[in-house]
PDB file of N, CA and C in Angstrom:
ATOM      1  N   MET A   1     113.118  55.067 158.258  1.00  0.00           N
ATOM      2  CA  MET A   1     114.147  54.159 157.286  1.00  0.00           C
ATOM      3  C   MET A   1     114.774  53.135 158.343  1.00  0.00           C
ATOM      4  N   ALA A   2     114.531  51.605 158.081  1.00  0.00           N
ATOM      5  CA  ALA A   2     115.053  50.886 158.902  1.00  0.00           C
ATOM      6  C   ALA A   2     116.432  50.204 158.484  1.00  0.00           C
ATOM      7  N   ARG A   3     116.434  50.400 157.184  1.00  0.00           N
ATOM      8  CA  ARG A   3     117.659  49.847 156.491  1.00  0.00           C
ATOM      9  C   ARG A   3     118.158  50.771 155.444  1.00  0.00           C
ATOM     10  N   GLN A   4     119.582  50.592 155.337  1.00  0.00           N
ATOM     11  CA  GLN A   4     120.049  51.257 153.920  1.00  0.00           C
ATOM     12  C   GLN A   4     121.144  50.671 153.447  1.00  0.00           C
ATOM     13  N   ARG A   5     121.316  50.829 151.630  1.00  0.00           N
ATOM     14  CA  ARG A   5     122.362  50.103 151.295  1.00  0.00           C
ATOM     15  C   ARG A   5     123.917  50.248 151.979  1.00  0.00           C
ATOM     16  N   LEU A   6     124.594  49.332 151.943  1.00  0.00           N
ATOM     17  CA  LEU A   6     126.063  49.517 152.820  1.00  0.00           C
ATOM     18  C   LEU A   6     126.589  50.884 152.108  1.00  0.00           C
ATOM     19  N   ASP A   7     126.841  50.334 150.618  1.00  0.00           N
ATOM     20  CA  ASP A   7     127.886  51.548 149.672  1.00  0.00           C
ATOM     21  C   ASP A   7     127.252  53.175 150.112  1.00  0.00           C
ATOM     22  N   LEU A   8     125.836  53.286 150.417  1.00  0.00           N
ATOM     23  CA  LEU A   8     125.319  54.479 150.391  1.00  0.00           C
ATOM     24  C   LEU A   8     125.541  54.789 152.159  1.00  0.00           C
ATOM     25  N   TRP A   9     125.370  54.103 152.938  1.00  0.00           N
ATOM     26  CA  TRP A   9     125.749  54.451 154.458  1.00  0.00           C
ATOM     27  C   TRP A   9     127.236  54.417 154.483  1.00  0.00           C
ATOM     28  N   LEU A  10     128.216  53.965 154.157  1.00  0.00           N
ATOM     29  CA  LEU A  10     129.794  54.059 154.321  1.00  0.00           C
ATOM     30  C   LEU A  10     129.817  55.603 153.577  1.00  0.00           C
ATOM     31  N   TRP A  11     128.998  55.931 152.422  1.00  0.00           N
ATOM     32  CA  TRP A  11     129.499  57.325 151.875  1.00  0.00           C
ATOM     33  C   TRP A  11     128.904  58.376 152.724  1.00  0.00           C
ATOM     34  N   HIS A  12     127.356  58.373 153.155  1.00  0.00           N
ATOM     35  CA  HIS A  12     126.693  59.227 153.970  1.00  0.00           C
ATOM     36  C   HIS A  12     127.742  59.539 155.372  1.00  0.00           C
ATOM     37  N   ALA A  13     128.257  58.400 155.938  1.00  0.00           N
ATOM     38  CA  ALA A  13     129.214  58.379 157.106  1.00  0.00           C
ATOM     39  C   ALA A  13     130.573  59.065 156.763  1.00  0.00           C
ATOM     40  N   ARG A  14     130.808  59.306 155.527  1.00  0.00           N
ATOM     41  CA  ARG A  14     131.942  60.018 155.141  1.00  0.00           C
ATOM     42  C   ARG A  14     133.022  58.989 155.534  1.00  0.00           C
ATOM     43  N   VAL A  15     132.931  57.621 155.404  1.00  0.00           N
ATOM     44  CA  VAL A  15     134.104  56.697 155.452  1.00  0.00           C
ATOM     45  C   VAL A  15     134.854  56.755 154.023  1.00  0.00           C
ATOM     46  N   VAL A  16     134.472  57.084 153.126  1.00  0.00           N
ATOM     47  CA  VAL A  16     135.139  57.340 151.952  1.00  0.00           C
ATOM     48  C   VAL A  16     134.572  58.450 151.128  1.00  0.00           C
ATOM     49  N   ARG A  17     135.333  59.038 150.154  1.00  0.00           N
ATOM     50  CA  ARG A  17     134.977  60.206 149.471  1.00  0.00           C
ATOM     51  C   ARG A  17     133.685  60.380 148.514  1.00  0.00           C
ATOM     52  N   GLY A  18     133.579  59.254 147.929  1.00  0.00           N
ATOM     53  CA  GLY A  18     132.428  59.200 147.006  1.00  0.00           C
ATOM     54  C   GLY A  18     131.762  57.510 147.065  1.00  0.00           C
ATOM     55  N   ARG A  19     130.512  57.737 146.552  1.00  0.00           N
ATOM     56  CA  ARG A  19     129.742  56.412 146.607  1.00  0.00           C
ATOM     57  C   ARG A  19     130.408  55.516 145.911  1.00  0.00           C
ATOM     58  N   ALA A  20     131.136  55.537 144.485  1.00  0.00           N
ATOM     59  CA  ALA A  20     131.809  54.729 143.727  1.00  0.00           C
ATOM     60  C   ALA A  20     132.814  54.141 144.545  1.00  0.00           C
ATOM     61  N   ASP A  21     133.518  55.078 145.205  1.00  0.00           N
ATOM     62  CA  ASP A  21     134.660  54.586 146.339  1.00  0.00           C
ATOM     63  C   ASP A  21     134.164  53.531 147.208  1.00  0.00           C
ATOM     64  N   ALA A  22     133.002  53.742 147.569  1.00  0.00           N
ATOM     65  CA  ALA A  22     132.448  52.807 148.754  1.00  0.00           C
ATOM     66  C   ALA A  22     131.877  51.506 148.065  1.00  0.00           C
ATOM     67  N   ALA A  23     131.333  51.422 147.013  1.00  0.00           N
ATOM     68  CA  ALA A  23     131.050  50.520 145.983  1.00  0.00           C
ATOM     69  C   ALA A  23     132.421  49.142 145.536  1.00  0.00           C
ATOM     70  N   ALA A  24     133.353  50.276 145.323  1.00  0.00           N
ATOM     71  CA  ALA A  24     134.511  49.458 144.918  1.00  0.00           C
ATOM     72  C   ALA A  24     135.298  48.632 146.510  1.00  0.00           C
ATOM     73  N   LEU A  25     135.179  49.635 147.510  1.00  0.00           N
ATOM     74  CA  LEU A  25     135.728  48.792 148.700  1.00  0.00           C
ATOM     75  C   LEU A  25     134.821  47.751 149.164  1.00  0.00           C
ATOM     76  N   VAL A  26     133.578  47.727 148.930  1.00  0.00           N
ATOM     77  CA  VAL A  26     133.021  46.533 149.296  1.00  0.00           C
ATOM     78  C   VAL A  26     133.215  45.259 148.138  1.00  0.00           C
ATOM     79  N   ARG A  27     133.198  45.401 146.859  1.00  0.00           N
ATOM     80  CA  ARG A  27     133.045  44.802 146.060  1.00  0.00           C
ATOM     81  C   ARG A  27     134.755  43.850 146.329  1.00  0.00           C
ATOM     82  N   GLU A  28     135.728  45.035 146.648  1.00  0.00           N
ATOM     83  CA  GLU A  28     137.136  44.141 146.698  1.00  0.00           C
ATOM     84  C   GLU A  28     136.900  43.496 148.196  1.00  0.00           C
ATOM     85  N   GLY A  29     136.147  43.342 148.828  1.00  0.00           N
ATOM     86  CA  GLY A  29     136.222  42.566 150.190  1.00  0.00           C
ATOM     87  C   GLY A  29     136.831  43.337 151.318  1.00  0.00           C
ATOM     88  N   HIS A  30     136.813  44.546 151.429  1.00  0.00           N
ATOM     89  CA  HIS A  30     137.321  45.143 152.337  1.00  0.00           C
ATOM     90  C   HIS A  30     136.523  45.588 153.657  1.00  0.00           C
ATOM     91  N   VAL A  31     135.330  45.120 153.437  1.00  0.00           N
ATOM     92  CA  VAL A  31     134.068  45.576 154.455  1.00  0.00           C
ATOM     93  C   VAL A  31     133.552  44.189 154.957  1.00  0.00           C
ATOM     94  N   ARG A  32     133.192  44.153 156.184  1.00  0.00           N
ATOM     95  CA  ARG A  32     132.443  42.905 156.848  1.00  0.00           C
ATOM     96  C   ARG A  32     131.453  43.777 157.629  1.00  0.00           C
ATOM     97  N   VAL A  33     130.219  42.920 157.896  1.00  0.00           N
ATOM     98  CA  VAL A  33     129.311  43.465 158.654  1.00  0.00           C
ATOM     99  C   VAL A  33     128.907  42.206 159.463  1.00  0.00           C
ATOM    100  N   ASP A  34     129.073  42.628 160.688  1.00  0.00           N
ATOM    101  CA  ASP A  34     128.983  41.675 161.862  1.00  0.00           C
ATOM    102  C   ASP A  34     130.080  40.587 161.947  1.00  0.00           C
ATOM    103  N   GLY A  35     130.910  40.857 161.181  1.00  0.00           N
ATOM    104  CA  GLY A  35     132.079  39.686 160.906  1.00  0.00           C
ATOM    105  C   GLY A  35     132.088  38.835 159.764  1.00  0.00           C
ATOM    106  N   ALA A  36     131.015  38.974 159.040  1.00  0.00           N
ATOM    107  CA  ALA A  36     131.023  38.323 157.739  1.00  0.00           C
ATOM    108  C   ALA A  36     131.295  39.011 156.768  1.00  0.00           C
ATOM    109  N   ARG A  37     132.467  39.041 155.474  1.00  0.00           N
ATOM    110  CA  ARG A  37     132.713  39.470 154.348  1.00  0.00           C
ATOM    111  C   ARG A  37     131.680  39.902 153.716  1.00  0.00           C
ATOM    112  N   VAL A  38     131.292  40.977 153.266  1.00  0.00           N
ATOM    113  CA  VAL A  38     130.235  41.376 152.336  1.00  0.00           C
ATOM    114  C   VAL A  38     130.902  41.852 151.148  1.00  0.00           C
ATOM    115  N   THR A  39     130.686  41.054 149.755  1.00  0.00           N
ATOM    116  CA  THR A  39     131.126  41.825 148.494  1.00  0.00           C
ATOM    117  C   THR A  39     130.014  42.493 147.754  1.00  0.00           C
ATOM    118  N   SER A  40     128.730  42.620 148.322  1.00  0.00           N
ATOM    119  CA  SER A  40     127.724  43.303 147.393  1.00  0.00           C
ATOM    120  C   SER A  40     127.456  44.666 148.010  1.00  0.00           C
ATOM    121  N   ALA A  41     127.656  45.640 147.336  1.00  0.00           N
ATOM    122  CA  ALA A  41     127.336  47.007 147.642  1.00  0.00           C
ATOM    123  C   ALA A  41     126.224  47.428 147.974  1.00  0.00           C
ATOM    124  N   GLY A  42     125.134  46.465 147.388  1.00  0.00           N
ATOM    125  CA  GLY A  42     123.519  46.637 148.084  1.00  0.00           C
ATOM    126  C   GLY A  42     123.498  46.003 149.277  1.00  0.00           C
ATOM    127  N   HIS A  43     124.050  45.371 149.854  1.00  0.00           N
ATOM    128  CA  HIS A  43     123.777  44.762 150.788  1.00  0.00           C
ATOM    129  C   HIS A  43     123.242  45.600 151.823  1.00  0.00           C
ATOM    130  N   MET A  44     121.930  45.481 152.649  1.00  0.00           N
ATOM    131  CA  MET A  44     121.204  46.135 153.626  1.00  0.00           C
ATOM    132  C   MET A  44     122.040  46.069 154.789  1.00  0.00           C
ATOM    133  N   VAL A  45     122.042  47.290 155.534  1.00  0.00           N
ATOM    134  CA  VAL A  45     122.266  47.535 156.585  1.00  0.00           C
ATOM    135  C   VAL A  45     121.302  47.826 157.804  1.00  0.00           C
ATOM    136  N   ARG A  46     121.447  47.316 159.217  1.00  0.00           N
ATOM    137  CA  ARG A  46     120.377  47.664 159.954  1.00  0.00           C
ATOM    138  C   ARG A  46     121.233  48.420 161.409  1.00  0.00           C
ATOM    139  N   ILE A  47     120.453  49.469 162.005  1.00  0.00           N
ATOM    140  CA  ILE A  47     120.720  49.825 163.419  1.00  0.00           C
ATOM    141  C   ILE A  47     121.338  48.864 164.132  1.00  0.00           C
ATOM    142  N   GLY A  48     122.606  48.996 164.709  1.00  0.00           N
ATOM    143  CA  GLY A  48     123.130  47.799 165.570  1.00  0.00           C
ATOM    144  C   GLY A  48     124.044  47.241 165.076  1.00  0.00           C
ATOM    145  N   GLN A  49     123.906  47.113 163.748  1.00  0.00           N
ATOM    146  CA  GLN A  49     125.038  46.267 162.988  1.00  0.00           C
ATOM    147  C   GLN A  49     126.458  46.756 163.301  1.00  0.00           C
ATOM    148  N   VAL A  50     127.594  45.866 163.113  1.00  0.00           N
ATOM    149  CA  VAL A  50     129.041  46.450 163.424  1.00  0.00           C
ATOM    150  C   VAL A  50     129.442  46.471 161.899  1.00  0.00           C
ATOM    151  N   VAL A  51     129.876  47.593 161.708  1.00  0.00           N
ATOM    152  CA  VAL A  51     130.591  47.472 160.074  1.00  0.00           C
ATOM    153  C   VAL A  51     132.122  47.694 160.299  1.00  0.00           C
ATOM    154  N   THR A  52     132.853  46.531 159.808  1.00  0.00           N
ATOM    155  CA  THR A  52     134.643  46.985 159.916  1.00  0.00           C
ATOM    156  C   THR A  52     134.842  46.896 158.578  1.00  0.00           C
ATOM    157  N   VAL A  53     135.834  47.843 158.285  1.00  0.00           N
ATOM    158  CA  VAL A  53     136.190  48.546 157.310  1.00  0.00           C
ATOM    159  C   VAL A  53     137.516  48.529 157.388  1.00  0.00           C
ATOM    160  N   SER A  54     138.412  47.808 156.093  1.00  0.00           N
ATOM    161  CA  SER A  54     139.752  47.809 156.056  1.00  0.00           C
ATOM    162  C   SER A  54     140.063  48.970 155.018  1.00  0.00           C
ATOM    163  N   LEU A  55     140.938  50.162 155.485  1.00  0.00           N
ATOM    164  CA  LEU A  55     141.249  51.278 154.761  1.00  0.00           C
ATOM    165  C   LEU A  55     142.403  51.804 154.792  1.00  0.00           C
ATOM    166  N   HIS A  56     143.294  51.955 153.870  1.00  0.00           N
ATOM    167  CA  HIS A  56     144.520  52.658 154.024  1.00  0.00           C
ATOM    168  C   HIS A  56     145.453  52.285 154.976  1.00  0.00           C
ATOM    169  N   HIS A  57     145.570  50.930 155.183  1.00  0.00           N
ATOM    170  CA  HIS A  57     146.574  50.146 156.288  1.00  0.00           C
ATOM    171  C   HIS A  57     145.857  50.316 157.484  1.00  0.00           C
ATOM    172  N   ALA A  58     144.815  50.608 157.794  1.00  0.00           N
ATOM    173  CA  ALA A  58     144.163  51.006 159.186  1.00  0.00           C
ATOM    174  C   ALA A  58     142.921  50.093 159.053  1.00  0.00           C
ATOM    175  N   VAL A  59     142.186  49.508 160.214  1.00  0.00           N
ATOM    176  CA  VAL A  59     141.278  49.083 160.517  1.00  0.00           C
ATOM    177  C   VAL A  59     139.855  49.931 161.168  1.00  0.00           C
ATOM    178  N   ARG A  60     138.912  50.309 160.912  1.00  0.00           N
ATOM    179  CA  ARG A  60     137.880  51.032 161.567  1.00  0.00           C
ATOM    180  C   ARG A  60     136.521  50.242 161.742  1.00  0.00           C
ATOM    181  N   VAL A  61     136.289  50.369 162.928  1.00  0.00           N
ATOM    182  CA  VAL A  61     134.982  49.390 163.333  1.00  0.00           C
ATOM    183  C   VAL A  61     134.140  50.103 163.857  1.00  0.00           C
ATOM    184  N   LEU A  62     133.001  50.234 163.081  1.00  0.00           N
ATOM    185  CA  LEU A  62     131.852  51.137 163.383  1.00  0.00           C
ATOM    186  C   LEU A  62     130.346  50.605 163.587  1.00  0.00           C
ATOM    187  N   ARG A  63     129.659  50.903 164.806  1.00  0.00           N
ATOM    188  CA  ARG A  63     128.252  50.547 164.616  1.00  0.00           C
ATOM    189  C   ARG A  63     127.117  51.488 164.283  1.00  0.00           C
ATOM    190  N   VAL A  64     126.539  51.118 163.383  1.00  0.00           N
ATOM    191  CA  VAL A  64     125.307  51.326 162.941  1.00  0.00           C
ATOM    192  C   VAL A  64     124.646  52.214 163.782  1.00  0.00           C
ATOM    193  N   ILE A  65     124.594  53.544 164.069  1.00  0.00           N
ATOM    194  CA  ILE A  65     123.197  54.108 165.200  1.00  0.00           C
ATOM    195  C   ILE A  65     122.592  55.009 164.368  1.00  0.00           C
ATOM    196  N   GLY A  66     122.387  54.994 162.833  1.00  0.00           N
ATOM    197  CA  GLY A  66     121.755  56.039 162.267  1.00  0.00           C
ATOM    198  C   GLY A  66     121.767  55.950 161.067  1.00  0.00           C
ATOM    199  N   PHE A  67     121.015  56.482 160.282  1.00  0.00           N
ATOM    200  CA  PHE A  67     120.953  56.849 158.657  1.00  0.00           C
ATOM    201  C   PHE A  67     120.878  58.330 158.060  1.00  0.00           C
ATOM    202  N   SER A  68     120.949  58.382 157.168  1.00  0.00           N
ATOM    203  CA  SER A  68     120.782  59.866 156.608  1.00  0.00           C
ATOM    204  C   SER A  68     120.201  59.745 155.207  1.00  0.00           C
ATOM    205  N   GLU A  69     119.306  60.761 154.926  1.00  0.00           N
ATOM    206  CA  GLU A  69     118.674  60.933 153.498  1.00  0.00           C
ATOM    207  C   GLU A  69     119.738  61.142 152.426  1.00  0.00           C
ATOM    208  N   ARG A  70     120.529  62.135 152.896  1.00  0.00           N
ATOM    209  CA  ARG A  70     121.389  62.518 151.934  1.00  0.00           C
ATOM    210  C   ARG A  70     123.009  62.645 152.735  1.00  0.00           C
ATOM    211  N   ARG A  71     123.754  62.991 151.826  1.00  0.00           N
ATOM    212  CA  ARG A  71     125.212  63.142 152.327  1.00  0.00           C
ATOM    213  C   ARG A  71     125.170  64.721 152.960  1.00  0.00           C
ATOM    214  N   GLU A  72     125.775  64.646 154.338  1.00  0.00           N
ATOM    215  CA  GLU A  72     125.780  65.904 154.970  1.00  0.00           C
ATOM    216  C   GLU A  72     126.968  66.289 155.309  1.00  0.00           C
ATOM    217  N   ASP A  73     127.309  67.658 156.238  1.00  0.00           N
ATOM    218  CA  ASP A  73     128.827  67.968 156.711  1.00  0.00           C
ATOM    219  C   ASP A  73     129.043  66.626 157.729  1.00  0.00           C
ATOM    220  N   ALA A  74     130.398  66.774 157.965  1.00  0.00           N
ATOM    221  CA  ALA A  74     131.163  65.791 158.910  1.00  0.00           C
ATOM    222  C   ALA A  74     130.584  65.824 160.232  1.00  0.00           C
ATOM    223  N   THR A  75     130.248  66.619 160.924  1.00  0.00           N
ATOM    224  CA  THR A  75     129.533  66.877 162.148  1.00  0.00           C
ATOM    225  C   THR A  75     128.377  65.950 162.259  1.00  0.00           C
ATOM    226  N   SER A  76     127.545  66.153 161.037  1.00  0.00           N
ATOM    227  CA  SER A  76     126.075  65.496 160.896  1.00  0.00           C
ATOM    228  C   SER A  76     126.272  64.050 160.842  1.00  0.00           C
ATOM    229  N   ALA A  77     127.538  63.685 160.076  1.00  0.00           N
ATOM    230  CA  ALA A  77     127.852  62.242 159.851  1.00  0.00           C
ATOM    231  C   ALA A  77     128.017  61.327 160.664  1.00  0.00           C
ATOM    232  N   ILE A  78     128.719  62.199 161.749  1.00  0.00           N
ATOM    233  CA  ILE A  78     128.894  61.658 163.135  1.00  0.00           C
ATOM    234  C   ILE A  78     127.743  60.746 163.796  1.00  0.00           C
ATOM    235  N   ALA A  79     126.731  61.402 163.656  1.00  0.00           N
ATOM    236  CA  ALA A  79     125.654  60.798 164.070  1.00  0.00           C
ATOM    237  C   ALA A  79     124.945  59.654 163.579  1.00  0.00           C
ATOM    238  N   THR A  80     125.676  58.811 162.464  1.00  0.00           N
ATOM    239  CA  THR A  80     125.248  57.877 161.903  1.00  0.00           C
ATOM    240  C   THR A  80     125.846  56.502 162.319  1.00  0.00           C
ATOM    241  N   TYR A  81     127.052  56.747 163.155  1.00  0.00           N
ATOM    242  CA  TYR A  81     127.631  55.689 163.653  1.00  0.00           C
ATOM    243  C   TYR A  81     128.675  56.270 165.069  1.00  0.00           C
ATOM    244  N   GLU A  82     128.833  54.966 165.608  1.00  0.00           N
ATOM    245  CA  GLU A  82     129.605  54.879 167.106  1.00  0.00           C
ATOM    246  C   GLU A  82     131.131  54.035 166.568  1.00  0.00           C
ATOM    247  N   GLU A  83     132.207  55.001 166.612  1.00  0.00           N
ATOM    248  CA  GLU A  83     133.503  54.566 166.568  1.00  0.00           C
ATOM    249  C   GLU A  83     133.653  53.436 167.655  1.00  0.00           C
ATOM    250  N   ILE A  84     134.158  52.122 167.493  1.00  0.00           N
ATOM    251  CA  ILE A  84     134.769  51.279 168.313  1.00  0.00           C
ATOM    252  C   ILE A  84     135.857  50.912 168.235  1.00  0.00           C
ATOM    253  N   THR A  85     136.525  51.331 167.174  1.00  0.00           N
ATOM    254  CA  THR A  85     137.939  51.249 167.265  1.00  0.00           C
ATOM    255  C   THR A  85     138.549  51.358 168.344  1.00  0.00           C
ATOM    256  N   ASP A  86     139.701  50.520 168.730  1.00  0.00           N
ATOM    257  CA  ASP A  86     140.591  50.792 169.908  1.00  0.00           C
ATOM    258  C   ASP A  86     141.489  52.036 169.414  1.00  0.00           C
TER     259      ASP A  86
END
């Protein structure tokens, strides 16, 4: 798998609790990919891209390092991203 939908990746990485929450977060303009605001939940992300998420008065900066076929436990979810937030 070389790419994955942004809302699906956010959900699999456990950034949000539900896929609908991930889609809403993107539609409302709270997500950037490589510094550019993305408003389409179907935007495809690739390994190496940087995803910036503004969530609950905090900002998380994550580098995409992998994908998952399904949502797994939190330990497995960590394998999909590298946290680069200070």
